[in-house]
Amino acid sequence: MQSRSVARELALLMLGQISDRQPASDLSRTTPLDALLLQALASLSQHVREALDQSATDLEQAQQQLLDSELVDAGGDSLPQVRSHLQQGLSHAEQALNRLSASLELPRLLLLANQEEVRTGALARTRAVVSRRQELDQRLDGVMEGWRLTRLPRIDRDILRLAATDMEDFGTPPAVACNEAVELANRYSDDQGRRMINGVLRRLTSLSG
């Protein structure tokens, strides 16, 4: 399960470097998949650094907000202003802890990404999504409920495509595919994207069942 999760994450990063308009037949000829895999590993390394940098920024902001609350309190200002500073400080601290928690997992992912099983899985998933992209998009569009797949951010589209491919081509149980898609959204998308991905995949799996 661990190898599959890392392979899917690498495939997601690889897909982000492939144009949606690029035919599958041109992929290996114009951009070797091995080169895309190396770029995906570099992107994952960069994500580690960015997450740690953002965690440090959040902690600094939390510290400043807590300091501001003490200064306001010492000056005899109103309690609501002190409470506001405290709430902002705690919010920044919570964000920092969440980022740090995710960041601690990333170096381990980088080590696992060098395993042959993981690399093979990433390449296979990338090929599968690219070769069936039109079919996958039509199926996903069918459960979007008044929304179009093309209107979603690229990262959200690729997370949905990967989840559908995992269920249909790699035998991943629907519940597992959905959960792991949400985990990817937690790392690379936002709250709105995570909710959209979860809803679309639930409708897709209920339709398939």
C-alpha atoms as a PDB file:
ATOM      1  CA  MET A   1       0.000   0.000   0.000  1.00  0.00           C
ATOM      2  CA  GLN A   2       2.833   2.376   0.845  1.00  0.00           C
ATOM      3  CA  SER A   3       4.573   1.820  -2.490  1.00  0.00           C
ATOM      4  CA  ARG A   4       1.313   2.374  -4.349  1.00  0.00           C
ATOM      5  CA  SER A   5       0.701   5.674  -2.564  1.00  0.00           C
ATOM      6  CA  VAL A   6       4.151   6.998  -3.404  1.00  0.00           C
ATOM      7  CA  ALA A   7       3.843   5.795  -7.001  1.00  0.00           C
ATOM      8  CA  ARG A   8       0.553   7.659  -7.322  1.00  0.00           C
ATOM      9  CA  GLU A   9       2.064  10.846  -5.940  1.00  0.00           C
ATOM     10  CA  LEU A  10       4.963  10.668  -8.380  1.00  0.00           C
ATOM     11  CA  ALA A  11       2.521  10.003 -11.225  1.00  0.00           C
ATOM     12  CA  LEU A  12       0.563  13.092 -10.203  1.00  0.00           C
ATOM     13  CA  LEU A  13       3.712  15.206 -10.414  1.00  0.00           C
ATOM     14  CA  MET A  14       4.593  13.655 -13.766  1.00  0.00           C
ATOM     15  CA  LEU A  15       1.137  14.355 -15.203  1.00  0.00           C
ATOM     16  CA  GLY A  16       1.447  17.999 -14.213  1.00  0.00           C
ATOM     17  CA  GLN A  17       4.295  18.302 -16.714  1.00  0.00           C
ATOM     18  CA  ILE A  18       2.285  16.868 -19.626  1.00  0.00           C
ATOM     19  CA  SER A  19      -0.059  19.079 -21.632  1.00  0.00           C
ATOM     20  CA  ASP A  20      -3.694  17.980 -21.677  1.00  0.00           C
ATOM     21  CA  ARG A  21      -3.565  18.432 -25.448  1.00  0.00           C
ATOM     22  CA  GLN A  22      -0.539  16.186 -25.940  1.00  0.00           C
ATOM     23  CA  PRO A  23      -1.550  12.908 -27.659  1.00  0.00           C
ATOM     24  CA  ALA A  24      -0.513   9.717 -25.920  1.00  0.00           C
ATOM     25  CA  SER A  25       1.250   8.579 -29.078  1.00  0.00           C
ATOM     26  CA  ASP A  26       3.576  11.587 -28.909  1.00  0.00           C
ATOM     27  CA  LEU A  27       4.439  11.293 -25.245  1.00  0.00           C
ATOM     28  CA  SER A  28       7.402   8.929 -25.239  1.00  0.00           C
ATOM     29  CA  ARG A  29       8.798  10.415 -28.445  1.00  0.00           C
ATOM     30  CA  THR A  30       8.735  14.087 -27.393  1.00  0.00           C
ATOM     31  CA  THR A  31       9.307  13.737 -23.654  1.00  0.00           C
ATOM     32  CA  PRO A  32      10.743  10.448 -22.358  1.00  0.00           C
ATOM     33  CA  LEU A  33       8.843   9.236 -19.305  1.00  0.00           C
ATOM     34  CA  ASP A  34      12.087   8.592 -17.472  1.00  0.00           C
ATOM     35  CA  ALA A  35      12.911  12.299 -17.813  1.00  0.00           C
ATOM     36  CA  LEU A  36       9.479  13.201 -16.448  1.00  0.00           C
ATOM     37  CA  LEU A  37      10.084  10.881 -13.502  1.00  0.00           C
ATOM     38  CA  LEU A  38      13.323  12.677 -12.642  1.00  0.00           C
ATOM     39  CA  GLN A  39      11.507  16.008 -12.859  1.00  0.00           C
ATOM     40  CA  ALA A  40       8.784  14.638 -10.568  1.00  0.00           C
ATOM     41  CA  LEU A  41      11.410  13.657  -7.984  1.00  0.00           C
ATOM     42  CA  ALA A  42      12.858  17.174  -8.179  1.00  0.00           C
ATOM     43  CA  SER A  43       9.363  18.626  -7.702  1.00  0.00           C
ATOM     44  CA  LEU A  44       8.809  16.447  -4.655  1.00  0.00           C
ATOM     45  CA  SER A  45      12.103  17.648  -3.168  1.00  0.00           C
ATOM     46  CA  GLN A  46      11.083  21.247  -3.815  1.00  0.00           C
ATOM     47  CA  HIS A  47       7.733  20.611  -2.137  1.00  0.00           C
ATOM     48  CA  VAL A  48       9.573  19.440   0.984  1.00  0.00           C
ATOM     49  CA  ARG A  49      11.581  22.658   1.134  1.00  0.00           C
ATOM     50  CA  GLU A  50       8.571  24.888   0.489  1.00  0.00           C
ATOM     51  CA  ALA A  51       6.464  23.150   3.141  1.00  0.00           C
ATOM     52  CA  LEU A  52       9.198  23.559   5.744  1.00  0.00           C
ATOM     53  CA  ASP A  53       9.721  27.226   4.805  1.00  0.00           C
ATOM     54  CA  GLN A  54       5.999  27.910   5.094  1.00  0.00           C
ATOM     55  CA  SER A  55       5.901  26.170   8.470  1.00  0.00           C
ATOM     56  CA  ALA A  56       8.645  28.487   9.715  1.00  0.00           C
ATOM     57  CA  THR A  57       6.705  31.524   8.444  1.00  0.00           C
ATOM     58  CA  ASP A  58       3.520  30.351  10.178  1.00  0.00           C
ATOM     59  CA  LEU A  59       5.394  29.909  13.464  1.00  0.00           C
ATOM     60  CA  GLU A  60       6.892  33.396  13.197  1.00  0.00           C
ATOM     61  CA  GLN A  61       3.437  34.877  12.559  1.00  0.00           C
ATOM     62  CA  ALA A  62       2.005  32.935  15.495  1.00  0.00           C
ATOM     63  CA  GLN A  63       4.756  34.238  17.773  1.00  0.00           C
ATOM     64  CA  GLN A  64       4.158  37.828  16.612  1.00  0.00           C
ATOM     65  CA  GLN A  65       0.412  37.599  17.163  1.00  0.00           C
ATOM     66  CA  LEU A  66       0.899  36.248  20.681  1.00  0.00           C
ATOM     67  CA  LEU A  67       3.382  39.035  21.403  1.00  0.00           C
ATOM     68  CA  ASP A  68       0.904  41.613  20.078  1.00  0.00           C
ATOM     69  CA  SER A  69      -1.781  40.255  22.411  1.00  0.00           C
ATOM     70  CA  GLU A  70       0.539  40.760  25.398  1.00  0.00           C
ATOM     71  CA  LEU A  71       1.377  44.304  24.320  1.00  0.00           C
ATOM     72  CA  VAL A  72      -2.289  45.175  23.850  1.00  0.00           C
ATOM     73  CA  ASP A  73      -3.149  43.702  27.237  1.00  0.00           C
ATOM     74  CA  ALA A  74      -0.331  45.625  28.922  1.00  0.00           C
ATOM     75  CA  GLY A  75      -1.594  48.826  27.372  1.00  0.00           C
ATOM     76  CA  GLY A  76      -4.987  48.355  28.940  1.00  0.00           C
ATOM     77  CA  ASP A  77      -6.866  48.035  25.629  1.00  0.00           C
ATOM     78  CA  SER A  78     -10.079  46.116  25.139  1.00  0.00           C
ATOM     79  CA  LEU A  79     -10.412  42.395  25.725  1.00  0.00           C
ATOM     80  CA  PRO A  80     -11.836  41.718  22.215  1.00  0.00           C
ATOM     81  CA  GLN A  81      -8.613  43.009  20.650  1.00  0.00           C
ATOM     82  CA  VAL A  82      -6.516  40.742  22.878  1.00  0.00           C
ATOM     83  CA  ARG A  83      -8.749  37.802  22.019  1.00  0.00           C
ATOM     84  CA  SER A  84      -8.418  38.552  18.311  1.00  0.00           C
ATOM     85  CA  HIS A  85      -4.609  38.520  18.489  1.00  0.00           C
ATOM     86  CA  LEU A  86      -4.667  35.289  20.473  1.00  0.00           C
ATOM     87  CA  GLN A  87      -6.996  33.613  17.980  1.00  0.00           C
ATOM     88  CA  GLN A  88      -4.830  34.641  15.050  1.00  0.00           C
ATOM     89  CA  GLY A  89      -1.712  33.440  16.831  1.00  0.00           C
ATOM     90  CA  LEU A  90      -3.241  30.061  17.613  1.00  0.00           C
ATOM     91  CA  SER A  91      -4.490  29.749  14.042  1.00  0.00           C
ATOM     92  CA  HIS A  92      -1.003  30.347  12.632  1.00  0.00           C
ATOM     93  CA  ALA A  93       0.456  27.885  15.137  1.00  0.00           C
ATOM     94  CA  GLU A  94      -2.073  25.235  14.105  1.00  0.00           C
ATOM     95  CA  GLN A  95      -1.248  25.781  10.424  1.00  0.00           C
ATOM     96  CA  ALA A  96       2.450  25.451  11.191  1.00  0.00           C
ATOM     97  CA  LEU A  97       1.955  22.190  13.087  1.00  0.00           C
ATOM     98  CA  ASN A  98      -0.162  20.754  10.282  1.00  0.00           C
ATOM     99  CA  ARG A  99       2.465  21.672   7.697  1.00  0.00           C
ATOM    100  CA  LEU A 100       5.257  20.256   9.816  1.00  0.00           C
ATOM    101  CA  SER A 101       3.357  17.031  10.314  1.00  0.00           C
ATOM    102  CA  ALA A 102       2.997  16.627   6.535  1.00  0.00           C
ATOM    103  CA  SER A 103       6.591  17.716   5.918  1.00  0.00           C
ATOM    104  CA  LEU A 104       8.029  15.066   8.213  1.00  0.00           C
ATOM    105  CA  GLU A 105       6.505  12.441   5.910  1.00  0.00           C
ATOM    106  CA  LEU A 106       8.008  13.866   2.721  1.00  0.00           C
ATOM    107  CA  PRO A 107      11.687  12.895   3.162  1.00  0.00           C
ATOM    108  CA  ARG A 108      10.581   9.299   3.677  1.00  0.00           C
ATOM    109  CA  LEU A 109       8.587   9.532   0.450  1.00  0.00           C
ATOM    110  CA  LEU A 110      11.699  10.673  -1.363  1.00  0.00           C
ATOM    111  CA  LEU A 111      13.598   7.610  -0.148  1.00  0.00           C
ATOM    112  CA  LEU A 112      10.780   5.285  -1.149  1.00  0.00           C
ATOM    113  CA  ALA A 113      10.546   6.973  -4.552  1.00  0.00           C
ATOM    114  CA  ASN A 114      13.921   5.520  -5.481  1.00  0.00           C
ATOM    115  CA  GLN A 115      12.602   1.967  -5.235  1.00  0.00           C
ATOM    116  CA  GLU A 116      12.095   0.187  -8.550  1.00  0.00           C
ATOM    117  CA  GLU A 117       8.568  -0.894  -7.612  1.00  0.00           C
ATOM    118  CA  VAL A 118       7.558   2.698  -6.971  1.00  0.00           C
ATOM    119  CA  ARG A 119       9.114   3.999 -10.177  1.00  0.00           C
ATOM    120  CA  THR A 120       7.469   1.268 -12.221  1.00  0.00           C
ATOM    121  CA  GLY A 121       4.091   2.022 -10.645  1.00  0.00           C
ATOM    122  CA  ALA A 122       4.435   5.743 -11.318  1.00  0.00           C
ATOM    123  CA  LEU A 123       5.322   5.181 -14.963  1.00  0.00           C
ATOM    124  CA  ALA A 124       2.465   2.703 -15.445  1.00  0.00           C
ATOM    125  CA  ARG A 125      -0.099   5.071 -13.930  1.00  0.00           C
ATOM    126  CA  THR A 126       1.117   7.997 -15.994  1.00  0.00           C
ATOM    127  CA  ARG A 127       0.876   5.981 -19.215  1.00  0.00           C
ATOM    128  CA  ALA A 128      -2.592   4.713 -18.267  1.00  0.00           C
ATOM    129  CA  VAL A 129      -3.977   8.183 -17.574  1.00  0.00           C
ATOM    130  CA  VAL A 130      -2.519   9.721 -20.719  1.00  0.00           C
ATOM    131  CA  SER A 131      -3.659   6.871 -22.967  1.00  0.00           C
ATOM    132  CA  ARG A 132      -7.236   6.954 -21.577  1.00  0.00           C
ATOM    133  CA  ARG A 133      -7.523  10.648 -20.759  1.00  0.00           C
ATOM    134  CA  GLN A 134     -10.448  11.387 -23.081  1.00  0.00           C
ATOM    135  CA  GLU A 135     -12.463   8.422 -21.829  1.00  0.00           C
ATOM    136  CA  LEU A 136     -11.674   9.226 -18.191  1.00  0.00           C
ATOM    137  CA  ASP A 137     -12.681  12.870 -18.636  1.00  0.00           C
ATOM    138  CA  GLN A 138     -16.013  11.910 -20.186  1.00  0.00           C
ATOM    139  CA  ARG A 139     -16.810   9.582 -17.301  1.00  0.00           C
ATOM    140  CA  LEU A 140     -15.833  12.178 -14.709  1.00  0.00           C
ATOM    141  CA  ASP A 141     -17.807  14.875 -16.514  1.00  0.00           C
ATOM    142  CA  GLY A 142     -20.844  12.615 -16.267  1.00  0.00           C
ATOM    143  CA  VAL A 143     -20.857  12.855 -12.461  1.00  0.00           C
ATOM    144  CA  MET A 144     -19.839  16.505 -12.075  1.00  0.00           C
ATOM    145  CA  GLU A 145     -23.458  17.719 -11.503  1.00  0.00           C
ATOM    146  CA  GLY A 146     -23.559  21.009 -13.368  1.00  0.00           C
ATOM    147  CA  TRP A 147     -19.801  21.495 -13.379  1.00  0.00           C
ATOM    148  CA  ARG A 148     -17.204  20.714 -16.015  1.00  0.00           C
ATOM    149  CA  LEU A 149     -13.935  18.920 -15.407  1.00  0.00           C
ATOM    150  CA  THR A 150     -12.111  21.496 -17.536  1.00  0.00           C
ATOM    151  CA  ARG A 151     -13.107  24.226 -15.068  1.00  0.00           C
ATOM    152  CA  LEU A 152     -11.202  22.555 -12.233  1.00  0.00           C
ATOM    153  CA  PRO A 153      -7.550  23.387 -11.517  1.00  0.00           C
ATOM    154  CA  ARG A 154      -5.155  21.082 -13.348  1.00  0.00           C
ATOM    155  CA  ILE A 155      -3.967  19.404 -10.139  1.00  0.00           C
ATOM    156  CA  ASP A 156      -7.560  18.490  -9.190  1.00  0.00           C
ATOM    157  CA  ARG A 157      -8.261  17.042 -12.646  1.00  0.00           C
ATOM    158  CA  ASP A 158      -5.182  14.849 -12.448  1.00  0.00           C
ATOM    159  CA  ILE A 159      -6.024  13.630  -8.939  1.00  0.00           C
ATOM    160  CA  LEU A 160      -9.468  12.574 -10.189  1.00  0.00           C
ATOM    161  CA  ARG A 161      -8.013  10.887 -13.274  1.00  0.00           C
ATOM    162  CA  LEU A 162      -5.502   8.963 -11.195  1.00  0.00           C
ATOM    163  CA  ALA A 163      -8.140   7.775  -8.745  1.00  0.00           C
ATOM    164  CA  ALA A 164     -10.411   6.561 -11.552  1.00  0.00           C
ATOM    165  CA  THR A 165      -7.489   4.818 -13.248  1.00  0.00           C
ATOM    166  CA  ASP A 166      -6.414   3.150 -10.001  1.00  0.00           C
ATOM    167  CA  MET A 167      -9.876   1.706  -9.501  1.00  0.00           C
ATOM    168  CA  GLU A 168     -10.389   0.580 -13.081  1.00  0.00           C
ATOM    169  CA  ASP A 169      -6.911  -0.485 -14.204  1.00  0.00           C
ATOM    170  CA  PHE A 170      -4.957  -1.307 -11.039  1.00  0.00           C
ATOM    171  CA  GLY A 171      -7.598  -3.020  -8.914  1.00  0.00           C
ATOM    172  CA  THR A 172      -7.532  -0.494  -6.080  1.00  0.00           C
ATOM    173  CA  PRO A 173     -10.663  -0.760  -3.877  1.00  0.00           C
ATOM    174  CA  PRO A 174     -12.885   2.316  -4.376  1.00  0.00           C
ATOM    175  CA  ALA A 175     -12.755   3.349  -0.715  1.00  0.00           C
ATOM    176  CA  VAL A 176      -8.951   3.228  -0.734  1.00  0.00           C
ATOM    177  CA  ALA A 177      -8.705   5.143  -4.022  1.00  0.00           C
ATOM    178  CA  CYS A 178     -11.029   7.844  -2.706  1.00  0.00           C
ATOM    179  CA  ASN A 179      -9.177   8.195   0.592  1.00  0.00           C
ATOM    180  CA  GLU A 180      -5.803   8.429  -1.089  1.00  0.00           C
ATOM    181  CA  ALA A 181      -7.130  10.970  -3.606  1.00  0.00           C
ATOM    182  CA  VAL A 182      -8.271  13.129  -0.696  1.00  0.00           C
ATOM    183  CA  GLU A 183      -4.825  12.769   0.865  1.00  0.00           C
ATOM    184  CA  LEU A 184      -3.242  14.040  -2.358  1.00  0.00           C
ATOM    185  CA  ALA A 185      -5.708  16.936  -2.340  1.00  0.00           C
ATOM    186  CA  ASN A 186      -4.698  17.731   1.241  1.00  0.00           C
ATOM    187  CA  ARG A 187      -1.104  17.995   0.102  1.00  0.00           C
ATOM    188  CA  TYR A 188      -1.440  19.687  -3.276  1.00  0.00           C
ATOM    189  CA  SER A 189      -4.884  21.297  -3.525  1.00  0.00           C
ATOM    190  CA  ASP A 190      -7.074  23.305  -1.132  1.00  0.00           C
ATOM    191  CA  ASP A 191     -10.238  22.823   0.948  1.00  0.00           C
ATOM    192  CA  GLN A 192     -12.555  23.506  -1.982  1.00  0.00           C
ATOM    193  CA  GLY A 193     -10.616  21.123  -4.222  1.00  0.00           C
ATOM    194  CA  ARG A 194     -10.627  18.405  -1.564  1.00  0.00           C
ATOM    195  CA  ARG A 195     -14.399  18.636  -1.139  1.00  0.00           C
ATOM    196  CA  MET A 196     -14.984  18.611  -4.889  1.00  0.00           C
ATOM    197  CA  ILE A 197     -12.704  15.587  -5.407  1.00  0.00           C
ATOM    198  CA  ASN A 198     -14.348  13.667  -2.580  1.00  0.00           C
ATOM    199  CA  GLY A 199     -17.852  14.356  -3.914  1.00  0.00           C
ATOM    200  CA  VAL A 200     -17.045  13.490  -7.531  1.00  0.00           C
ATOM    201  CA  LEU A 201     -15.356  10.212  -6.624  1.00  0.00           C
ATOM    202  CA  ARG A 202     -18.184   9.186  -4.322  1.00  0.00           C
ATOM    203  CA  ARG A 203     -20.671   9.714  -7.136  1.00  0.00           C
ATOM    204  CA  LEU A 204     -18.405   7.878  -9.565  1.00  0.00           C
ATOM    205  CA  THR A 205     -18.026   4.851  -7.285  1.00  0.00           C
ATOM    206  CA  SER A 206     -21.743   4.712  -6.476  1.00  0.00           C
ATOM    207  CA  LEU A 207     -22.509   4.771 -10.201  1.00  0.00           C
ATOM    208  CA  SER A 208     -19.990   1.998 -10.861  1.00  0.00           C
ATOM    209  CA  GLY A 209     -21.345  -0.084  -8.008  1.00  0.00           C
END
